[in-house]
C-alpha atoms as a PDB file:
ATOM      1  CA  MET A   1     -34.187 -51.034  85.450  1.00  0.00           C
ATOM      2  CA  ALA A   2     -30.848 -49.348  84.721  1.00  0.00           C
ATOM      3  CA  PRO A   3     -30.451 -45.604  85.172  1.00  0.00           C
ATOM      4  CA  LYS A   4     -30.544 -43.661  81.901  1.00  0.00           C
ATOM      5  CA  VAL A   5     -28.055 -41.050  80.742  1.00  0.00           C
ATOM      6  CA  LEU A   6     -28.755 -38.720  77.835  1.00  0.00           C
ATOM      7  CA  VAL A   7     -25.568 -37.927  75.882  1.00  0.00           C
ATOM      8  CA  VAL A   8     -25.621 -35.004  73.446  1.00  0.00           C
ATOM      9  CA  LEU A   9     -23.151 -34.673  70.570  1.00  0.00           C
ATOM     10  CA  THR A  10     -22.537 -31.721  68.261  1.00  0.00           C
ATOM     11  CA  SER A  11     -23.931 -31.627  64.726  1.00  0.00           C
ATOM     12  CA  PHE A  12     -21.350 -29.054  63.596  1.00  0.00           C
ATOM     13  CA  GLY A  13     -18.818 -30.696  61.299  1.00  0.00           C
ATOM     14  CA  ARG A  14     -16.844 -28.028  59.480  1.00  0.00           C
ATOM     15  CA  ILE A  15     -15.163 -24.720  60.286  1.00  0.00           C
ATOM     16  CA  GLU A  16     -15.456 -22.997  56.929  1.00  0.00           C
ATOM     17  CA  ALA A  17     -13.137 -20.112  57.831  1.00  0.00           C
ATOM     18  CA  ALA A  18     -10.383 -22.616  58.613  1.00  0.00           C
ATOM     19  CA  ASN A  19     -11.363 -24.903  55.704  1.00  0.00           C
ATOM     20  CA  ALA A  20     -11.167 -27.777  58.166  1.00  0.00           C
ATOM     21  CA  PRO A  21     -13.440 -30.529  59.445  1.00  0.00           C
ATOM     22  CA  THR A  22     -14.393 -30.593  63.101  1.00  0.00           C
ATOM     23  CA  GLY A  23     -16.987 -32.286  65.304  1.00  0.00           C
ATOM     24  CA  TRP A  24     -16.891 -34.217  68.562  1.00  0.00           C
ATOM     25  CA  TYR A  25     -13.626 -35.557  69.985  1.00  0.00           C
ATOM     26  CA  LEU A  26     -13.145 -39.318  70.043  1.00  0.00           C
ATOM     27  CA  PRO A  27     -11.802 -40.045  73.573  1.00  0.00           C
ATOM     28  CA  GLU A  28     -14.243 -37.580  75.105  1.00  0.00           C
ATOM     29  CA  LEU A  29     -17.068 -39.917  74.141  1.00  0.00           C
ATOM     30  CA  ALA A  30     -15.221 -43.246  74.087  1.00  0.00           C
ATOM     31  CA  HIS A  31     -13.778 -43.107  77.608  1.00  0.00           C
ATOM     32  CA  PRO A  32     -16.870 -41.928  79.518  1.00  0.00           C
ATOM     33  CA  TYR A  33     -19.174 -44.026  77.340  1.00  0.00           C
ATOM     34  CA  ASN A  34     -17.380 -47.190  78.424  1.00  0.00           C
ATOM     35  CA  VAL A  35     -17.574 -46.130  82.067  1.00  0.00           C
ATOM     36  CA  LEU A  36     -21.271 -45.289  81.838  1.00  0.00           C
ATOM     37  CA  ALA A  37     -22.335 -48.211  79.648  1.00  0.00           C
ATOM     38  CA  ALA A  38     -21.247 -50.694  82.298  1.00  0.00           C
ATOM     39  CA  LYS A  39     -23.966 -49.469  84.669  1.00  0.00           C
ATOM     40  CA  THR A  40     -26.452 -47.316  82.747  1.00  0.00           C
ATOM     41  CA  GLU A  41     -28.536 -47.180  79.609  1.00  0.00           C
ATOM     42  CA  ILE A  42     -27.221 -44.494  77.257  1.00  0.00           C
ATOM     43  CA  VAL A  43     -29.391 -42.551  74.814  1.00  0.00           C
ATOM     44  CA  MET A  44     -27.676 -40.461  72.130  1.00  0.00           C
ATOM     45  CA  ALA A  45     -28.892 -37.130  70.751  1.00  0.00           C
ATOM     46  CA  SER A  46     -27.637 -34.276  68.559  1.00  0.00           C
ATOM     47  CA  PRO A  47     -29.208 -31.066  67.232  1.00  0.00           C
ATOM     48  CA  LYS A  48     -29.805 -32.464  63.750  1.00  0.00           C
ATOM     49  CA  GLY A  49     -30.140 -36.141  64.656  1.00  0.00           C
ATOM     50  CA  GLY A  50     -28.592 -38.886  62.527  1.00  0.00           C
ATOM     51  CA  GLU A  51     -24.817 -39.044  62.239  1.00  0.00           C
ATOM     52  CA  ALA A  52     -22.937 -36.698  64.535  1.00  0.00           C
ATOM     53  CA  PRO A  53     -19.627 -35.642  62.911  1.00  0.00           C
ATOM     54  CA  LEU A  54     -16.485 -37.117  64.450  1.00  0.00           C
ATOM     55  CA  ASP A  55     -13.428 -34.849  64.289  1.00  0.00           C
ATOM     56  CA  PRO A  56     -10.889 -36.780  62.185  1.00  0.00           C
ATOM     57  CA  ALA A  57      -8.055 -35.024  64.006  1.00  0.00           C
ATOM     58  CA  SER A  58      -9.095 -36.831  67.187  1.00  0.00           C
ATOM     59  CA  VAL A  59      -8.932 -40.184  65.426  1.00  0.00           C
ATOM     60  CA  LYS A  60      -5.365 -39.430  64.368  1.00  0.00           C
ATOM     61  CA  ALA A  61      -4.322 -38.018  67.733  1.00  0.00           C
ATOM     62  CA  PHE A  62      -5.610 -41.059  69.636  1.00  0.00           C
ATOM     63  CA  GLU A  63      -4.664 -43.846  67.228  1.00  0.00           C
ATOM     64  CA  GLY A  64      -2.389 -45.176  69.964  1.00  0.00           C
ATOM     65  CA  ASP A  65      -5.176 -45.266  72.540  1.00  0.00           C
ATOM     66  CA  ASP A  66      -6.626 -48.774  72.475  1.00  0.00           C
ATOM     67  CA  GLU A  67      -9.884 -47.790  74.151  1.00  0.00           C
ATOM     68  CA  SER A  68     -10.580 -45.072  71.580  1.00  0.00           C
ATOM     69  CA  VAL A  69      -9.624 -47.346  68.677  1.00  0.00           C
ATOM     70  CA  GLN A  70     -11.881 -50.131  69.918  1.00  0.00           C
ATOM     71  CA  PHE A  71     -14.756 -47.693  70.326  1.00  0.00           C
ATOM     72  CA  LEU A  72     -14.181 -46.297  66.833  1.00  0.00           C
ATOM     73  CA  ASN A  73     -14.139 -49.745  65.262  1.00  0.00           C
ATOM     74  CA  ASN A  74     -16.973 -51.363  67.196  1.00  0.00           C
ATOM     75  CA  LYS A  75     -19.406 -48.677  68.354  1.00  0.00           C
ATOM     76  CA  SER A  76     -20.131 -46.580  65.266  1.00  0.00           C
ATOM     77  CA  ASP A  77     -23.892 -46.966  65.731  1.00  0.00           C
ATOM     78  CA  VAL A  78     -23.547 -44.864  68.874  1.00  0.00           C
ATOM     79  CA  TRP A  79     -22.841 -41.669  66.935  1.00  0.00           C
ATOM     80  CA  LYS A  80     -24.241 -42.523  63.512  1.00  0.00           C
ATOM     81  CA  ASN A  81     -27.837 -42.920  64.682  1.00  0.00           C
ATOM     82  CA  THR A  82     -28.448 -40.131  67.183  1.00  0.00           C
ATOM     83  CA  GLN A  83     -31.954 -38.894  67.894  1.00  0.00           C
ATOM     84  CA  LYS A  84     -32.943 -35.285  67.317  1.00  0.00           C
ATOM     85  CA  LEU A  85     -32.261 -33.171  70.382  1.00  0.00           C
ATOM     86  CA  SER A  86     -35.545 -31.250  70.197  1.00  0.00           C
ATOM     87  CA  THR A  87     -37.500 -34.457  70.798  1.00  0.00           C
ATOM     88  CA  PHE A  88     -36.134 -34.647  74.349  1.00  0.00           C
ATOM     89  CA  LYS A  89     -37.493 -31.349  75.600  1.00  0.00           C
ATOM     90  CA  GLY A  90     -39.885 -31.931  78.472  1.00  0.00           C
ATOM     91  CA  ARG A  91     -38.504 -35.410  79.121  1.00  0.00           C
ATOM     92  CA  ALA A  92     -35.921 -34.822  81.855  1.00  0.00           C
ATOM     93  CA  ALA A  93     -37.948 -37.063  84.158  1.00  0.00           C
ATOM     94  CA  GLU A  94     -36.997 -40.061  81.988  1.00  0.00           C
ATOM     95  CA  PHE A  95     -33.275 -39.639  82.641  1.00  0.00           C
ATOM     96  CA  ASP A  96     -30.846 -39.626  85.545  1.00  0.00           C
ATOM     97  CA  ALA A  97     -28.122 -37.397  84.065  1.00  0.00           C
ATOM     98  CA  LEU A  98     -27.189 -35.310  81.013  1.00  0.00           C
ATOM     99  CA  PHE A  99     -23.706 -35.344  79.447  1.00  0.00           C
ATOM    100  CA  TYR A 100     -21.982 -33.364  76.694  1.00  0.00           C
ATOM    101  CA  PRO A 101     -18.661 -34.566  75.204  1.00  0.00           C
ATOM    102  CA  GLY A 102     -16.414 -31.946  73.697  1.00  0.00           C
ATOM    103  CA  GLY A 103     -14.606 -31.316  70.457  1.00  0.00           C
ATOM    104  CA  HIS A 104     -14.645 -27.910  68.809  1.00  0.00           C
ATOM    105  CA  GLY A 105     -18.100 -28.530  67.334  1.00  0.00           C
ATOM    106  CA  PRO A 106     -20.121 -27.622  70.461  1.00  0.00           C
ATOM    107  CA  MET A 107     -18.567 -24.149  70.438  1.00  0.00           C
ATOM    108  CA  PHE A 108     -20.418 -23.456  67.185  1.00  0.00           C
ATOM    109  CA  ASP A 109     -23.817 -25.065  67.731  1.00  0.00           C
ATOM    110  CA  LEU A 110     -24.614 -26.401  71.193  1.00  0.00           C
ATOM    111  CA  ALA A 111     -23.315 -23.329  73.043  1.00  0.00           C
ATOM    112  CA  THR A 112     -26.221 -21.296  71.687  1.00  0.00           C
ATOM    113  CA  ASP A 113     -28.729 -24.027  70.756  1.00  0.00           C
ATOM    114  CA  ALA A 114     -32.133 -23.112  72.212  1.00  0.00           C
ATOM    115  CA  ASP A 115     -33.207 -26.734  72.597  1.00  0.00           C
ATOM    116  CA  SER A 116     -30.003 -27.610  74.418  1.00  0.00           C
ATOM    117  CA  ILE A 117     -30.300 -24.622  76.742  1.00  0.00           C
ATOM    118  CA  ALA A 118     -33.915 -25.522  77.534  1.00  0.00           C
ATOM    119  CA  LEU A 119     -32.963 -29.146  78.175  1.00  0.00           C
ATOM    120  CA  ILE A 120     -30.173 -28.202  80.576  1.00  0.00           C
ATOM    121  CA  GLN A 121     -32.565 -25.902  82.414  1.00  0.00           C
ATOM    122  CA  GLU A 122     -35.033 -28.785  82.773  1.00  0.00           C
ATOM    123  CA  PHE A 123     -32.408 -31.130  84.212  1.00  0.00           C
ATOM    124  CA  VAL A 124     -31.159 -28.457  86.619  1.00  0.00           C
ATOM    125  CA  ALA A 125     -34.701 -27.665  87.748  1.00  0.00           C
ATOM    126  CA  ALA A 126     -35.288 -31.386  88.336  1.00  0.00           C
ATOM    127  CA  GLY A 127     -32.142 -31.604  90.459  1.00  0.00           C
ATOM    128  CA  LYS A 128     -30.438 -33.982  88.049  1.00  0.00           C
ATOM    129  CA  PRO A 129     -26.715 -33.905  87.213  1.00  0.00           C
ATOM    130  CA  VAL A 130     -25.487 -32.094  84.113  1.00  0.00           C
ATOM    131  CA  ALA A 131     -21.953 -32.786  82.921  1.00  0.00           C
ATOM    132  CA  ALA A 132     -19.564 -31.820  80.136  1.00  0.00           C
ATOM    133  CA  VAL A 133     -15.910 -32.200  79.196  1.00  0.00           C
ATOM    134  CA  CYS A 134     -13.309 -30.122  77.314  1.00  0.00           C
ATOM    135  CA  HIS A 135     -15.230 -27.782  74.966  1.00  0.00           C
ATOM    136  CA  GLY A 136     -18.468 -29.366  76.166  1.00  0.00           C
ATOM    137  CA  PRO A 137     -18.876 -26.906  79.076  1.00  0.00           C
ATOM    138  CA  ALA A 138     -19.561 -24.248  76.439  1.00  0.00           C
ATOM    139  CA  VAL A 139     -23.127 -25.571  76.592  1.00  0.00           C
ATOM    140  CA  PHE A 140     -23.510 -24.145  80.101  1.00  0.00           C
ATOM    141  CA  THR A 141     -22.288 -20.633  79.378  1.00  0.00           C
ATOM    142  CA  ASN A 142     -25.617 -19.295  78.084  1.00  0.00           C
ATOM    143  CA  VAL A 143     -27.839 -21.208  80.505  1.00  0.00           C
ATOM    144  CA  THR A 144     -29.665 -19.174  83.130  1.00  0.00           C
ATOM    145  CA  LEU A 145     -31.671 -20.094  86.199  1.00  0.00           C
ATOM    146  CA  PRO A 146     -35.349 -19.075  86.500  1.00  0.00           C
ATOM    147  CA  ASP A 147     -34.373 -15.755  88.126  1.00  0.00           C
ATOM    148  CA  GLY A 148     -32.018 -14.923  85.253  1.00  0.00           C
ATOM    149  CA  THR A 149     -28.801 -15.753  87.100  1.00  0.00           C
ATOM    150  CA  PRO A 150     -26.225 -17.539  84.912  1.00  0.00           C
ATOM    151  CA  LEU A 151     -25.986 -21.224  85.804  1.00  0.00           C
ATOM    152  CA  LEU A 152     -22.225 -20.960  86.283  1.00  0.00           C
ATOM    153  CA  LYS A 153     -22.235 -17.786  88.400  1.00  0.00           C
ATOM    154  CA  GLY A 154     -20.300 -18.305  91.606  1.00  0.00           C
ATOM    155  CA  LYS A 155     -19.546 -21.944  90.802  1.00  0.00           C
ATOM    156  CA  GLU A 156     -16.243 -23.639  90.143  1.00  0.00           C
ATOM    157  CA  ALA A 157     -16.065 -24.903  86.565  1.00  0.00           C
ATOM    158  CA  THR A 158     -13.447 -25.936  84.058  1.00  0.00           C
ATOM    159  CA  GLY A 159     -13.113 -26.534  80.340  1.00  0.00           C
ATOM    160  CA  PHE A 160     -10.517 -26.286  77.582  1.00  0.00           C
ATOM    161  CA  SER A 161      -8.082 -23.590  78.672  1.00  0.00           C
ATOM    162  CA  ASN A 162      -6.803 -20.634  76.665  1.00  0.00           C
ATOM    163  CA  GLU A 163      -3.319 -22.135  76.867  1.00  0.00           C
ATOM    164  CA  GLU A 164      -4.511 -25.452  75.455  1.00  0.00           C
ATOM    165  CA  GLU A 165      -6.436 -23.705  72.676  1.00  0.00           C
ATOM    166  CA  ASP A 166      -3.314 -21.753  71.753  1.00  0.00           C
ATOM    167  CA  GLN A 167      -1.237 -24.925  71.726  1.00  0.00           C
ATOM    168  CA  ALA A 168      -3.837 -26.612  69.521  1.00  0.00           C
ATOM    169  CA  GLN A 169      -3.470 -23.629  67.163  1.00  0.00           C
ATOM    170  CA  MET A 170      -7.239 -23.156  67.036  1.00  0.00           C
ATOM    171  CA  THR A 171      -7.627 -19.882  68.909  1.00  0.00           C
ATOM    172  CA  LYS A 172      -8.192 -17.670  65.883  1.00  0.00           C
ATOM    173  CA  TRP A 173     -10.984 -19.906  64.592  1.00  0.00           C
ATOM    174  CA  MET A 174     -13.040 -19.995  67.789  1.00  0.00           C
ATOM    175  CA  PRO A 175     -16.235 -17.936  68.178  1.00  0.00           C
ATOM    176  CA  PHE A 176     -15.125 -17.296  71.773  1.00  0.00           C
ATOM    177  CA  MET A 177     -12.575 -18.589  74.253  1.00  0.00           C
ATOM    178  CA  LEU A 178     -14.177 -21.006  76.678  1.00  0.00           C
ATOM    179  CA  GLU A 179     -12.014 -20.082  79.664  1.00  0.00           C
ATOM    180  CA  ASP A 180     -12.837 -16.405  79.149  1.00  0.00           C
ATOM    181  CA  LYS A 181     -16.551 -17.071  78.662  1.00  0.00           C
ATOM    182  CA  ILE A 182     -16.841 -19.078  81.876  1.00  0.00           C
ATOM    183  CA  LYS A 183     -15.295 -16.149  83.721  1.00  0.00           C
ATOM    184  CA  GLN A 184     -17.504 -13.612  81.923  1.00  0.00           C
ATOM    185  CA  VAL A 185     -20.696 -15.286  83.144  1.00  0.00           C
ATOM    186  CA  GLY A 186     -19.404 -15.302  86.716  1.00  0.00           C
ATOM    187  CA  GLY A 187     -17.952 -18.779  86.932  1.00  0.00           C
ATOM    188  CA  SER A 188     -14.858 -19.505  88.991  1.00  0.00           C
ATOM    189  CA  TYR A 189     -12.646 -21.019  86.302  1.00  0.00           C
ATOM    190  CA  LYS A 190     -10.134 -23.651  87.443  1.00  0.00           C
ATOM    191  CA  LYS A 191      -7.486 -25.538  85.486  1.00  0.00           C
ATOM    192  CA  ALA A 192      -4.947 -28.277  86.051  1.00  0.00           C
ATOM    193  CA  ASP A 193      -1.413 -27.350  87.112  1.00  0.00           C
ATOM    194  CA  ALA A 194      -0.125 -28.187  83.628  1.00  0.00           C
ATOM    195  CA  ALA A 195      -1.806 -27.929  80.238  1.00  0.00           C
ATOM    196  CA  TRP A 196      -3.432 -31.189  79.109  1.00  0.00           C
ATOM    197  CA  GLY A 197      -3.426 -32.544  82.665  1.00  0.00           C
ATOM    198  CA  PRO A 198      -6.658 -34.053  83.994  1.00  0.00           C
ATOM    199  CA  LEU A 199      -9.051 -32.005  86.091  1.00  0.00           C
ATOM    200  CA  VAL A 200     -12.633 -32.887  86.980  1.00  0.00           C
ATOM    201  CA  LEU A 201     -14.792 -30.609  89.104  1.00  0.00           C
ATOM    202  CA  SER A 202     -18.017 -31.776  90.728  1.00  0.00           C
ATOM    203  CA  VAL A 203     -19.955 -29.018  92.508  1.00  0.00           C
ATOM    204  CA  ASP A 204     -23.488 -28.391  93.756  1.00  0.00           C
ATOM    205  CA  GLY A 205     -23.510 -31.802  95.397  1.00  0.00           C
ATOM    206  CA  GLY A 206     -22.494 -33.487  92.150  1.00  0.00           C
ATOM    207  CA  LYS A 207     -25.169 -31.745  90.099  1.00  0.00           C
ATOM    208  CA  LEU A 208     -22.679 -29.769  87.949  1.00  0.00           C
ATOM    209  CA  ILE A 209     -19.704 -31.721  86.590  1.00  0.00           C
ATOM    210  CA  THR A 210     -17.028 -30.319  84.282  1.00  0.00           C
ATOM    211  CA  GLY A 211     -13.766 -31.739  82.911  1.00  0.00           C
ATOM    212  CA  GLN A 212     -10.969 -29.692  81.400  1.00  0.00           C
ATOM    213  CA  ASN A 213      -9.681 -31.686  78.435  1.00  0.00           C
ATOM    214  CA  PRO A 214      -9.453 -35.152  76.816  1.00  0.00           C
ATOM    215  CA  ALA A 215      -7.456 -36.477  79.765  1.00  0.00           C
ATOM    216  CA  SER A 216     -10.411 -35.622  82.016  1.00  0.00           C
ATOM    217  CA  ALA A 217     -13.048 -37.554  80.059  1.00  0.00           C
ATOM    218  CA  LYS A 218     -12.948 -40.851  81.957  1.00  0.00           C
ATOM    219  CA  GLY A 219     -13.053 -38.977  85.259  1.00  0.00           C
ATOM    220  CA  VAL A 220     -16.176 -37.128  84.160  1.00  0.00           C
ATOM    221  CA  GLY A 221     -17.856 -40.451  83.417  1.00  0.00           C
ATOM    222  CA  GLU A 222     -16.899 -41.703  86.874  1.00  0.00           C
ATOM    223  CA  ALA A 223     -18.187 -38.486  88.465  1.00  0.00           C
ATOM    224  CA  ILE A 224     -21.540 -38.930  86.694  1.00  0.00           C
ATOM    225  CA  LEU A 225     -21.894 -42.446  88.102  1.00  0.00           C
ATOM    226  CA  LYS A 226     -21.058 -41.188  91.578  1.00  0.00           C
ATOM    227  CA  SER A 227     -23.573 -38.366  91.266  1.00  0.00           C
ATOM    228  CA  ILE A 228     -26.388 -40.811  90.552  1.00  0.00           C
ATOM    229  CA  GLY A 229     -25.365 -43.135  93.357  1.00  0.00           C
ATOM    230  CA  LEU A 230     -23.518 -45.825  91.392  1.00  0.00           C
END
């Protein structure tokens, strides 16, 4: 029986203040999905269930990336038929790892979603890996341990940097800056030597995995496999 990975996508699809669509970011699901699907069973969830909004900007930005294009054209069921996130509470025992792709969407819903926070706490308590890439690590910033200590306190973590957010010209639309938030909750924020360069951090014996940006997505998938012994 193949190991099972629960992948959670955002349900947030539009930044009204910017009058712009948003969602999850294509290569941040496509690249790790392909890595994971070769050796695990993947179950998809989102806060609202159903179709999780794909950021059209990511489709445009990665139209030259064959892996992303193939995923877009052939795997639409993956994100169009997600199960409702709340139905997975209390079911951490059924899975081997939990993964959150990025995109700007998670900053607006999953970062503060009570069901998501509870689910992460369950996986952590069960000693199972939790992972996220780019803006995905926002989901960890409001998670606490049973004694009230922030999950990220004293741990190395990464995520979309302030510099990258500025270069993407999205800073003024964000509810918070991910790099700053990781630091505020006591995390030891790390970033690649150059903006947009890959960086994957695996700490706590592989139980907490974070990737900085789209270039880090495949590496996060590989780190998840390693953390579950594959």
